[in-house]
Protein backbone atom coordinates (compact mmCIF):
# COMPACT_ATOMS: atom_id res chain seq x y z
CA MET A 1 14.80 -58.52 -53.06
CA ASN A 2 15.15 -56.44 -49.88
CA ARG A 3 12.48 -53.85 -49.27
CA ARG A 4 11.17 -51.81 -46.43
CA ALA A 5 8.07 -49.68 -46.52
CA CYS A 6 5.62 -47.88 -44.32
CA ILE A 7 1.87 -47.82 -43.86
CA LEU A 8 -0.60 -46.52 -41.37
CA LEU A 9 -2.87 -49.12 -39.79
CA SER A 10 -6.13 -47.97 -38.31
CA VAL A 11 -6.25 -48.90 -34.64
CA CYS A 12 -9.34 -49.14 -32.48
CA LEU A 13 -8.21 -48.07 -29.02
CA SER A 14 -11.47 -48.69 -27.26
CA SER A 15 -11.33 -52.45 -27.47
CA VAL A 16 -10.61 -54.37 -24.29
CA MET A 17 -9.44 -57.51 -26.00
CA VAL A 18 -7.12 -58.48 -28.79
CA VAL A 19 -8.78 -59.62 -31.98
CA GLN A 20 -6.57 -61.94 -34.00
CA LEU A 21 -6.81 -61.12 -37.69
CA TRP A 22 -5.42 -63.27 -40.45
CA LEU A 23 -3.64 -61.04 -42.94
CA GLY A 24 -3.14 -62.45 -46.41
CA PHE A 25 0.28 -62.47 -48.03
CA ALA A 26 1.02 -64.01 -51.41
CA THR A 27 4.22 -62.37 -52.62
CA LYS A 28 7.74 -63.72 -52.51
CA TYR A 29 9.51 -61.48 -50.00
CA SER A 30 12.59 -61.21 -47.89
CA GLY A 31 13.73 -58.27 -45.81
CA THR A 32 15.23 -57.22 -42.52
CA GLY A 33 15.30 -54.24 -40.21
CA THR A 34 12.92 -51.54 -39.08
CA SER A 35 9.73 -51.85 -41.09
CA VAL A 36 6.05 -51.17 -41.03
CA ILE A 37 3.76 -53.86 -42.29
CA LYS A 38 2.72 -52.73 -45.80
CA SER A 39 5.26 -54.91 -47.59
CA LEU A 40 3.90 -57.97 -45.82
CA LEU A 41 0.32 -57.44 -46.97
CA ARG A 42 -0.68 -58.31 -50.50
CA PRO A 43 -3.08 -57.41 -51.96
CA LEU A 44 -3.71 -54.07 -50.24
CA ASN A 45 -7.40 -54.82 -49.76
CA GLU A 46 -6.32 -57.42 -47.20
CA ILE A 47 -5.42 -54.60 -44.78
CA LYS A 48 -8.06 -54.51 -42.08
CA THR A 49 -8.76 -52.67 -38.87
CA LEU A 50 -6.81 -53.99 -35.92
CA ALA A 51 -8.46 -53.84 -32.51
CA MET A 52 -6.35 -54.37 -29.44
CA GLU A 53 -6.05 -53.70 -25.76
CA ASP A 54 -3.64 -51.12 -24.36
CA THR A 55 -0.49 -53.12 -24.95
CA ALA A 56 2.98 -52.07 -25.99
CA HIS A 57 4.34 -55.34 -27.26
CA LEU A 58 3.10 -57.69 -29.94
CA GLU A 59 4.48 -60.67 -31.77
CA ILE A 60 4.09 -61.83 -35.36
CA THR A 61 3.75 -65.58 -35.76
CA THR A 62 3.18 -67.97 -38.62
CA ARG A 63 1.49 -71.35 -38.53
CA SER A 64 4.91 -72.97 -38.13
CA SER A 65 7.20 -70.64 -36.20
CA VAL A 66 7.70 -67.24 -34.65
CA LEU A 67 9.33 -64.78 -37.03
CA ASP A 68 10.26 -61.96 -34.66
CA VAL A 69 8.99 -59.43 -32.15
CA VAL A 70 7.08 -56.34 -33.18
CA ALA A 71 7.36 -53.25 -30.99
CA TYR A 72 3.96 -51.61 -31.14
CA ASP A 73 3.57 -48.11 -29.80
CA ASN A 74 -0.13 -47.50 -29.33
CA TRP A 75 -0.14 -43.70 -29.52
CA THR A 76 -3.40 -42.76 -31.18
CA ALA A 77 -5.62 -44.04 -33.94
CA SER A 78 -3.98 -44.13 -37.36
CA HIS A 79 -0.38 -44.13 -36.19
CA LYS A 80 1.98 -46.60 -37.70
CA ILE A 81 3.10 -49.92 -36.28
CA THR A 82 6.88 -49.97 -36.12
CA SER A 83 8.47 -53.38 -36.22
CA SER A 84 11.85 -54.99 -36.24
CA MET A 85 11.53 -58.28 -38.04
CA GLN A 86 13.23 -60.73 -40.34
CA MET A 87 11.10 -62.26 -43.05
CA THR A 88 12.01 -65.44 -44.83
CA PRO A 89 11.30 -66.02 -48.54
CA GLN A 90 7.77 -67.23 -49.16
CA ASP A 91 6.31 -69.41 -51.88
CA SER A 92 4.56 -66.96 -54.19
CA THR A 93 1.93 -69.56 -55.04
CA GLN A 94 0.81 -70.08 -51.47
CA ALA A 95 -0.53 -67.40 -49.18
CA SER A 96 1.06 -67.25 -45.75
CA LYS A 97 -0.96 -66.12 -42.77
CA PHE A 98 0.05 -63.86 -39.92
CA SER A 99 -1.62 -63.12 -36.62
CA LEU A 100 -0.90 -60.46 -34.02
CA MET A 101 -0.84 -61.72 -30.44
CA PRO A 102 -0.04 -59.87 -27.20
CA ILE A 103 3.05 -60.61 -25.14
CA THR A 104 2.80 -60.06 -21.40
CA LYS A 105 5.79 -59.38 -19.18
CA THR A 106 6.29 -59.95 -15.48
CA LYS A 107 7.48 -57.11 -13.26
CA ALA A 108 10.86 -58.82 -12.99
CA GLU A 109 11.15 -59.00 -16.78
CA GLU A 110 10.22 -55.33 -17.12
CA LYS A 111 12.81 -54.37 -14.52
CA LYS A 112 15.47 -56.44 -16.29
CA SER A 113 14.51 -54.91 -19.64
CA LEU A 114 14.87 -51.37 -18.32
CA ALA A 115 18.15 -52.22 -16.59
CA THR A 116 19.51 -53.56 -19.88
CA TRP A 117 18.45 -50.38 -21.66
CA GLN A 118 19.96 -48.28 -18.88
CA HIS A 119 23.36 -49.88 -19.37
CA THR A 120 23.86 -52.20 -22.31
CA HIS A 121 27.56 -52.78 -21.70
CA GLN A 122 28.14 -53.07 -17.97
CA ASN A 123 31.93 -53.02 -18.35
CA ARG A 124 31.93 -49.63 -20.11
CA PRO A 125 31.14 -46.25 -18.55
CA PHE A 126 28.70 -43.97 -20.30
CA CYS A 127 30.36 -41.47 -22.61
CA SER A 128 30.96 -38.16 -20.86
CA VAL A 129 30.36 -34.76 -22.46
CA PRO A 130 34.03 -34.38 -23.53
CA GLN A 131 33.94 -37.89 -24.98
CA ILE A 132 30.70 -37.17 -26.84
CA ARG A 133 32.14 -33.99 -28.34
CA ASP A 134 35.13 -35.90 -29.71
CA GLY A 135 33.62 -37.83 -32.58
CA GLN A 136 32.50 -37.82 -36.19
CA TRP A 137 29.46 -38.20 -38.41
CA VAL A 138 29.28 -41.59 -40.12
CA PRO A 139 26.94 -42.61 -42.95
CA VAL A 140 24.25 -45.25 -42.60
CA HIS A 141 22.19 -46.59 -45.49
CA GLY A 142 18.56 -47.60 -45.46
CA PRO A 143 15.10 -46.10 -44.93
CA ALA A 144 14.97 -42.91 -42.89
CA SER A 145 13.92 -43.00 -39.24
CA TYR A 146 10.81 -40.99 -40.18
CA ILE A 147 9.39 -39.02 -43.10
CA THR A 148 8.15 -35.52 -42.38
CA GLN A 149 4.77 -34.73 -43.91
CA THR A 150 5.57 -31.08 -44.72
CA SER A 151 7.17 -31.10 -48.17
CA HIS A 152 9.28 -27.93 -47.91
CA LEU A 153 10.93 -29.30 -44.75
CA ARG A 154 12.35 -32.24 -46.71
CA CYS A 155 15.69 -31.86 -48.49
CA TYR A 156 15.19 -34.74 -50.91
CA GLY A 157 11.76 -34.37 -52.41
CA GLU A 158 9.11 -37.07 -52.40
CA PRO A 159 8.59 -39.49 -49.48
CA ASP A 160 9.53 -42.52 -51.61
CA VAL A 161 13.15 -41.34 -51.65
CA TYR A 162 13.34 -41.77 -47.88
CA GLN A 163 12.08 -45.36 -47.98
CA THR A 164 14.79 -46.89 -50.14
CA MET A 165 17.76 -48.98 -49.07
CA ASN A 166 20.00 -46.43 -50.84
CA PHE A 167 18.94 -43.47 -48.69
CA THR A 168 21.91 -42.10 -46.73
CA SER A 169 21.59 -40.69 -43.22
CA TYR A 170 24.34 -39.76 -40.77
CA VAL A 171 24.69 -40.69 -37.12
CA TRP A 172 27.07 -39.28 -34.54
CA GLN A 173 29.80 -41.63 -33.36
CA PRO A 174 32.07 -40.61 -30.46
CA HIS A 175 35.57 -41.94 -31.09
CA ASN A 176 35.77 -43.59 -27.66
CA ALA A 177 32.45 -45.35 -28.23
CA HIS A 178 33.80 -46.73 -31.51
CA ARG A 179 36.90 -47.91 -29.61
CA LYS A 180 34.60 -49.54 -27.02
CA LYS A 181 35.96 -47.35 -24.23
CA CYS A 182 32.58 -45.82 -23.39
CA GLU A 183 28.92 -46.38 -24.22
CA TRP A 184 26.98 -43.95 -26.41
CA THR A 185 23.24 -44.23 -26.81
CA ALA A 186 21.78 -45.37 -30.11
CA TRP A 187 18.21 -44.55 -31.09
CA GLN A 188 16.39 -47.88 -30.85
CA GLY A 189 12.87 -46.76 -31.60
CA PRO A 190 9.87 -45.47 -29.65
CA ARG A 191 9.51 -48.42 -27.30
CA ASN A 192 12.99 -48.09 -25.78
CA ALA A 193 12.69 -44.30 -25.68
CA CYS A 194 9.41 -44.54 -23.78
CA GLN A 195 10.98 -46.83 -21.19
CA VAL A 196 13.00 -43.77 -20.17
CA LEU A 197 10.54 -40.96 -20.96
CA GLU A 198 7.49 -42.61 -19.41
CA HIS A 199 5.47 -40.29 -17.14
CA SER A 200 7.83 -37.36 -17.79
CA ASN A 201 6.74 -33.83 -18.62
CA ILE A 202 9.26 -32.33 -21.04
CA LEU A 203 9.44 -28.61 -21.81
CA ILE A 204 11.52 -27.29 -24.72
CA ALA A 205 11.68 -23.49 -24.84
CA GLY A 206 13.47 -21.22 -27.28
CA ASP A 207 13.32 -20.11 -30.88
CA SER A 208 12.64 -21.92 -34.16
CA LEU A 209 15.74 -24.11 -33.70
CA SER A 210 14.26 -25.35 -30.43
CA TRP A 211 11.09 -26.06 -32.40
CA GLU A 212 13.21 -28.34 -34.60
CA HIS A 213 14.30 -30.18 -31.44
CA PHE A 214 10.68 -30.52 -30.29
CA SER A 215 9.39 -31.59 -33.71
CA SER A 216 12.22 -34.09 -34.15
CA LEU A 217 11.37 -35.90 -30.92
CA LEU A 218 7.71 -36.16 -31.82
CA GLN A 219 8.47 -37.46 -35.31
CA LEU A 220 11.02 -39.96 -34.01
CA LEU A 221 8.22 -41.25 -31.79
CA GLY A 222 5.86 -41.66 -34.74
CA HIS A 223 3.84 -38.44 -34.59
CA HIS A 224 2.87 -35.98 -37.28
CA VAL A 225 3.59 -32.41 -36.15
CA HIS A 226 1.57 -29.39 -37.25
CA GLN A 227 4.24 -26.86 -38.21
CA ASN A 228 2.02 -23.88 -37.36
CA LEU A 229 1.84 -24.82 -33.68
CA GLN A 230 5.13 -23.00 -33.15
CA HIS A 231 3.50 -19.83 -34.50
CA GLN A 232 0.49 -20.38 -32.27
CA SER A 233 2.82 -20.57 -29.28
CA ARG A 234 4.50 -17.32 -30.24
CA GLU A 235 1.37 -15.35 -31.07
CA LEU A 236 -0.71 -16.54 -28.11
CA ARG A 237 2.28 -16.52 -25.75
CA THR A 238 1.51 -19.96 -24.46
CA ASN A 239 2.90 -23.47 -24.43
CA VAL A 240 1.73 -26.03 -26.97
CA MET A 241 1.65 -29.62 -25.79
CA ASP A 242 1.43 -33.11 -27.26
CA LEU A 243 1.13 -36.57 -25.73
CA LEU A 244 3.82 -39.24 -25.91
CA CYS A 245 4.12 -42.90 -25.03
CA ASN A 246 0.43 -43.78 -25.25
CA GLY A 247 -0.51 -40.65 -23.33
CA ARG A 248 1.70 -41.45 -20.37
CA SER A 249 4.17 -38.65 -21.14
CA ARG A 250 3.78 -35.08 -22.27
CA ILE A 251 6.02 -32.72 -24.24
CA SER A 252 5.50 -28.95 -24.38
CA TYR A 253 7.08 -26.25 -26.51
CA ARG A 254 7.26 -22.52 -25.85
CA ARG A 255 8.28 -20.14 -28.63
CA ASP A 256 10.34 -17.57 -26.74
CA ASP A 257 13.24 -16.44 -28.89
CA LYS A 258 15.20 -14.72 -26.12
CA LEU A 259 13.70 -16.57 -23.12
CA THR A 260 12.21 -13.34 -21.80
CA ASN A 261 9.11 -15.08 -20.41
CA LEU A 262 10.56 -18.31 -19.06
CA SER A 263 8.66 -18.23 -15.76
CA ALA A 264 5.34 -18.32 -17.59
CA ALA A 265 6.45 -21.36 -19.60
CA LEU A 266 7.61 -23.16 -16.44
CA ASP A 267 4.35 -22.39 -14.62
CA GLU A 268 2.01 -23.87 -17.24
CA GLU A 269 0.62 -27.34 -16.72
CA PRO A 270 1.89 -29.96 -16.88
CA PHE A 271 4.70 -28.93 -14.54
CA PRO A 272 7.92 -30.00 -16.30
CA ASN A 273 10.45 -32.37 -14.78
CA VAL A 274 12.71 -32.14 -17.86
CA VAL A 275 13.51 -28.66 -19.20
CA ILE A 276 15.57 -28.01 -22.34
CA LEU A 277 16.52 -24.41 -23.13
CA ASN A 278 18.42 -22.49 -25.78
CA ARG A 279 18.79 -18.97 -27.04
CA GLY A 280 21.36 -17.38 -29.31
CA ALA A 281 20.14 -17.39 -32.90
CA HIS A 282 18.40 -14.03 -32.30
CA TYR A 283 21.67 -12.26 -31.68
CA VAL A 284 22.16 -9.53 -29.08
CA GLY A 285 25.35 -8.13 -27.57
CA ASP A 286 27.17 -9.90 -24.75
CA ASP A 287 25.88 -7.63 -21.98
CA GLU A 288 22.23 -7.99 -22.97
CA LEU A 289 22.64 -11.74 -23.41
CA MET A 290 24.17 -12.27 -19.98
CA GLN A 291 21.62 -10.04 -18.26
CA GLY A 292 18.91 -12.27 -19.70
CA ILE A 293 20.73 -15.48 -18.75
CA ARG A 294 21.12 -14.33 -15.14
CA GLU A 295 17.39 -13.65 -14.99
CA ASN A 296 16.74 -17.11 -16.43
CA ILE A 297 18.93 -18.64 -13.72
CA ARG A 298 16.85 -16.92 -11.05
CA GLU A 299 13.68 -18.29 -12.66
CA LEU A 300 15.16 -21.77 -12.89
CA LYS A 301 16.10 -21.77 -9.21
CA VAL A 302 12.44 -21.13 -8.37
CA TRP A 303 11.48 -24.05 -10.63
CA LYS A 304 14.07 -26.27 -8.96
CA ARG A 305 12.68 -25.44 -5.50
CA GLN A 306 9.21 -26.38 -6.74
CA CYS A 307 10.62 -29.68 -8.03
CA ASN A 308 12.10 -30.44 -4.63
CA ALA A 309 8.88 -29.51 -2.83
CA MET A 310 6.93 -31.93 -5.05
CA GLY A 311 9.51 -34.69 -4.63
CA MET A 312 10.27 -34.73 -8.36
CA SER A 313 13.56 -35.68 -10.01
CA CYS A 314 13.99 -32.68 -12.32
CA GLN A 315 16.64 -32.33 -15.00
CA LEU A 316 17.78 -29.14 -16.74
CA PHE A 317 19.50 -29.09 -20.14
CA TRP A 318 21.12 -26.15 -21.88
CA ARG A 319 21.60 -26.75 -25.60
CA THR A 320 24.38 -24.69 -27.15
CA SER A 321 23.67 -22.66 -30.29
CA VAL A 322 24.71 -23.91 -33.73
CA PRO A 323 25.49 -21.22 -36.30
CA GLY A 324 24.38 -21.26 -39.88
CA HIS A 325 26.89 -22.12 -42.57
CA PRO A 326 27.41 -19.49 -45.27
CA GLU A 327 27.14 -20.89 -48.80
CA CYS A 328 25.59 -24.07 -47.40
CA HIS A 329 24.32 -25.03 -50.86
CA LYS A 330 27.86 -26.11 -51.74
CA PHE A 331 27.89 -28.95 -49.18
CA GLU A 332 26.29 -32.36 -49.67
CA ALA A 333 27.75 -34.23 -46.67
CA PRO A 334 29.17 -33.60 -43.19
CA VAL A 335 32.69 -32.18 -42.88
CA ASN A 336 34.40 -33.93 -39.97
CA ASP A 337 36.98 -31.18 -39.56
CA LEU A 338 36.30 -28.70 -36.76
CA GLN A 339 39.13 -26.35 -37.71
CA ARG A 340 37.95 -26.15 -41.31
CA MET A 341 34.32 -25.52 -40.36
CA GLU A 342 35.15 -22.83 -37.80
CA ALA A 343 37.40 -21.12 -40.34
CA HIS A 344 34.55 -21.30 -42.87
CA ILE A 345 32.07 -19.69 -40.47
CA SER A 346 34.60 -17.00 -39.45
CA ASN A 347 35.36 -16.03 -43.07
CA LEU A 348 33.38 -12.81 -43.44
CA SER A 349 33.97 -12.74 -47.20
CA LEU A 350 31.49 -15.65 -47.51
CA TYR A 351 28.62 -13.56 -46.10
CA ASN A 352 26.28 -11.16 -47.85
CA ASN A 353 24.65 -8.08 -46.34
CA HIS A 354 21.70 -10.20 -45.23
CA THR A 355 23.54 -13.06 -43.51
CA LEU A 356 26.25 -10.85 -42.01
CA LYS A 357 23.80 -9.37 -39.50
CA TYR A 358 23.10 -12.81 -37.99
CA HIS A 359 26.54 -12.92 -36.31
CA TRP A 360 26.97 -16.66 -36.88
CA TYR A 361 30.70 -16.12 -36.32
CA ASP A 362 29.96 -14.97 -32.73
CA TYR A 363 27.88 -17.96 -31.63
CA GLN A 364 30.64 -20.03 -30.07
CA HIS A 365 31.98 -17.07 -28.09
CA GLN A 366 28.52 -16.55 -26.60
CA ASN A 367 28.09 -20.28 -26.02
CA GLN A 368 31.14 -20.16 -23.78
CA LEU A 369 29.83 -17.14 -21.86
CA VAL A 370 26.56 -18.93 -21.10
CA ILE A 371 28.25 -22.20 -20.10
CA GLU A 372 30.57 -20.35 -17.72
CA GLU A 373 27.62 -18.54 -16.12
CA PHE A 374 25.67 -21.76 -15.58
CA ALA A 375 28.78 -23.38 -14.08
CA LYS A 376 28.67 -20.84 -11.24
CA HIS A 377 25.25 -22.20 -10.23
CA ASN A 378 25.75 -25.88 -10.93
CA ALA A 379 25.47 -26.87 -7.27
CA THR A 380 21.87 -25.65 -7.33
CA LEU A 381 20.75 -26.27 -10.90
CA GLU A 382 22.87 -29.28 -11.94
CA VAL A 383 22.61 -28.25 -15.58
CA HIS A 384 23.45 -30.74 -18.32
CA ILE A 385 25.23 -29.11 -21.25
CA MET A 386 24.01 -30.52 -24.55
CA ASP A 387 26.79 -29.28 -26.81
CA ALA A 388 24.95 -29.12 -30.11
CA TYR A 389 27.61 -26.77 -31.48
CA ALA A 390 30.39 -29.36 -31.19
CA LEU A 391 28.43 -31.85 -33.29
CA ASN A 392 26.47 -29.78 -35.77
CA VAL A 393 29.04 -27.17 -36.64
CA LEU A 394 30.34 -30.12 -38.69
CA ARG A 395 27.04 -30.30 -40.62
CA PRO A 396 27.01 -27.64 -43.35
CA ASP A 397 24.82 -30.05 -45.33
CA ASP A 398 21.06 -30.59 -45.04
CA HIS A 399 20.19 -26.97 -44.37
CA ARG A 400 17.12 -25.74 -46.22
CA SER A 401 19.30 -24.34 -48.98
CA HIS A 402 16.48 -25.00 -51.47
CA GLN A 403 14.75 -22.09 -49.71
CA GLY A 404 17.91 -20.00 -49.42
CA ASP A 405 18.07 -20.83 -45.69
CA CYS A 406 21.48 -21.81 -44.29
CA LEU A 407 20.43 -21.78 -40.61
CA HIS A 408 17.38 -24.05 -40.39
CA ASN A 409 17.48 -27.73 -41.21
CA CYS A 410 15.58 -30.42 -43.07
CA TYR A 411 13.76 -33.34 -41.43
CA PRO A 412 14.91 -35.97 -40.71
CA GLY A 413 18.30 -34.52 -40.01
CA LYS A 414 21.03 -33.32 -37.75
CA MET A 415 18.65 -32.15 -34.99
CA ASP A 416 17.68 -35.78 -34.30
CA VAL A 417 20.97 -36.23 -32.42
CA TYR A 418 19.68 -33.88 -29.71
CA ASN A 419 17.12 -36.49 -28.73
CA VAL A 420 19.73 -39.24 -28.74
CA TRP A 421 21.75 -37.06 -26.34
CA LEU A 422 18.66 -36.47 -24.22
CA LEU A 423 18.06 -40.21 -23.85
CA HIS A 424 21.77 -40.78 -23.22
CA VAL A 425 21.57 -38.59 -20.12
CA LEU A 426 18.12 -39.58 -18.87
CA ARG A 427 18.75 -43.31 -19.08
CA GLN A 428 21.58 -42.77 -16.58
CA LEU A 429 19.37 -40.80 -14.20
CA PHE A 430 15.92 -42.39 -14.38
CA ASP A 431 15.24 -45.84 -12.98
CA LEU A 432 12.05 -47.78 -12.24
CA GLU A 433 11.66 -46.17 -8.84
CA SER A 434 11.95 -42.60 -10.12
CA ILE A 435 9.59 -43.37 -13.03
CA LYS A 436 7.09 -44.93 -10.63
CA LYS A 437 7.28 -41.87 -8.38
CA GLN A 438 6.78 -39.55 -11.34
CA SER A 439 3.75 -41.63 -12.34
CA SER A 440 2.26 -41.22 -8.88
CA ILE A 441 2.80 -37.45 -8.93
CA ALA A 442 1.31 -37.19 -12.43
CA ALA A 443 -1.78 -39.10 -11.31
CA SER A 444 -2.24 -36.95 -8.21
CA GLN A 445 -1.94 -33.76 -10.28
CA GLY A 446 -4.27 -35.01 -13.02
CA TRP A 447 -1.73 -34.36 -15.77
CA HIS A 448 -2.79 -37.53 -17.57
CA ARG A 449 -6.14 -35.85 -18.27
CA LEU A 450 -4.62 -32.87 -20.09
CA PRO A 451 -5.45 -32.88 -23.82
CA ALA A 452 -2.95 -32.23 -26.59
CA THR A 453 -2.98 -28.73 -28.06
CA VAL A 454 -5.10 -28.32 -31.18
CA TYR A 455 -4.00 -25.75 -33.75
CA ASN A 456 -6.31 -22.73 -33.72
CA PRO A 457 -5.69 -20.74 -36.92
CA ASP A 458 -8.27 -18.04 -36.19
CA ALA A 459 -6.86 -17.15 -32.76
CA THR A 460 -3.30 -17.33 -34.08
CA ASP A 461 -4.01 -15.05 -37.03
CA ALA A 462 -5.90 -12.56 -34.86
CA ALA A 463 -3.04 -12.37 -32.37
CA ARG A 464 -0.53 -11.93 -35.19
CA LEU A 465 -2.48 -8.98 -36.59
CA VAL A 466 -2.53 -7.34 -33.16
CA ARG A 467 1.22 -7.81 -32.78
CA LEU A 468 1.96 -6.43 -36.24
CA SER A 469 -0.30 -3.42 -35.69
CA ARG A 470 1.48 -2.64 -32.42
CA ARG A 471 4.85 -2.97 -34.12
CA GLY A 472 3.71 -0.60 -36.85
CA HIS A 473 2.44 1.87 -34.25
CA ASN A 474 5.72 1.73 -32.35
CA SER A 475 7.66 2.23 -35.58
CA ASP A 476 5.56 5.30 -36.44
CA SER A 477 6.12 6.69 -32.93
CA LYS A 478 9.89 6.29 -33.25
CA GLN A 479 9.89 8.06 -36.61
CA GLN A 480 7.87 10.96 -35.16
CA LYS A 481 10.36 11.33 -32.29
CA GLN A 482 13.27 11.36 -34.75
CA HIS A 483 11.62 14.16 -36.72
């Protein structure tokens, strides 16, 4: 029987040596693919604390032969061990023993490993933006890439549903990648992602859809995300930050629906070398939108000059806006038909008085305005367009329709492709030398000593009350002026 399951192993990070532990296993088992070690351990009381040095690569062995390599991402205590392994059937009457042992790599091997990740198929160019846009969503079956802990953010109920071999996810497949004419990045787990993201400071700024982008990346890398941190960012007008890749990388989020305070987000430590921006879901007219975008461009040029002064390789991404899908509850799968989906979104008869005011039917028009404005400054900013619209306008499914929400999305879900796209670009731009330089700059600035943001409910609630009282006061003032 094929099974895959997940468990959290308690990890002691303070140890300076690897302790080999024999883990009992007495159940007939066979299985392949991404797994975490619960299925291998029977009975459950055989699970013990694992102490290890700061290592990113471990190997499972038996008394007779090596089974396969385990990629271990040593984030923090109590995070899961993700593995890719093939287990052979075992005699149920005889317990097999497993040990965890470190694997060391030479500098040459590390360089070769990164080079392979940078370009898997040397005879194919990387897929360009037009090639990425031209594709389709294809189903894959098996356990989900992660399971979000917040129940109302899941579309399919209990966590067990996400762990079965019958669970269906969808991945984006550019047509030219399928035809082997270009190479498109596949998500290969935290270890490969951290080869590219190592020592980077990532800033994602925008509204609640940008929060989905931020939260998706953290969860893909094995983290639990406190949903209320986005509200803390908004109420306290500050960035919230978490640590990635065993503390060697940092990711920040700024809740700023219309990017009216971008300079403040860019100025907070750690100084970002990767910036991902979006606005659009909080609709305003074209003139107001473009006035704000031009101010953002001025702010970004200041950031870019700071990057150059520090000797940093900085990358700017603009993610296009994806509209909601009216009557999303009627869809259970992607619709790989752009014309049909755009006609659906443009059909005003499908809207009610509540959803009509969101202007979902105007999103693509404004996407084009923003892209054209950034193109005028590309020589200075070198902006990468992450065309989320082209991909996710085809995803009327997996919205939070169980909450009556046809804009926001369930986890895991369609927002995960944004982080595949991010890696697709960065793996072309970052090499060992640039990562090493970023590491040196991070050390000199002391960014590695910055702690992750802790949710502060009291401060968040107090700030929210102040904001609401001001809004009420302003509303009263307007009514007095009208009378």
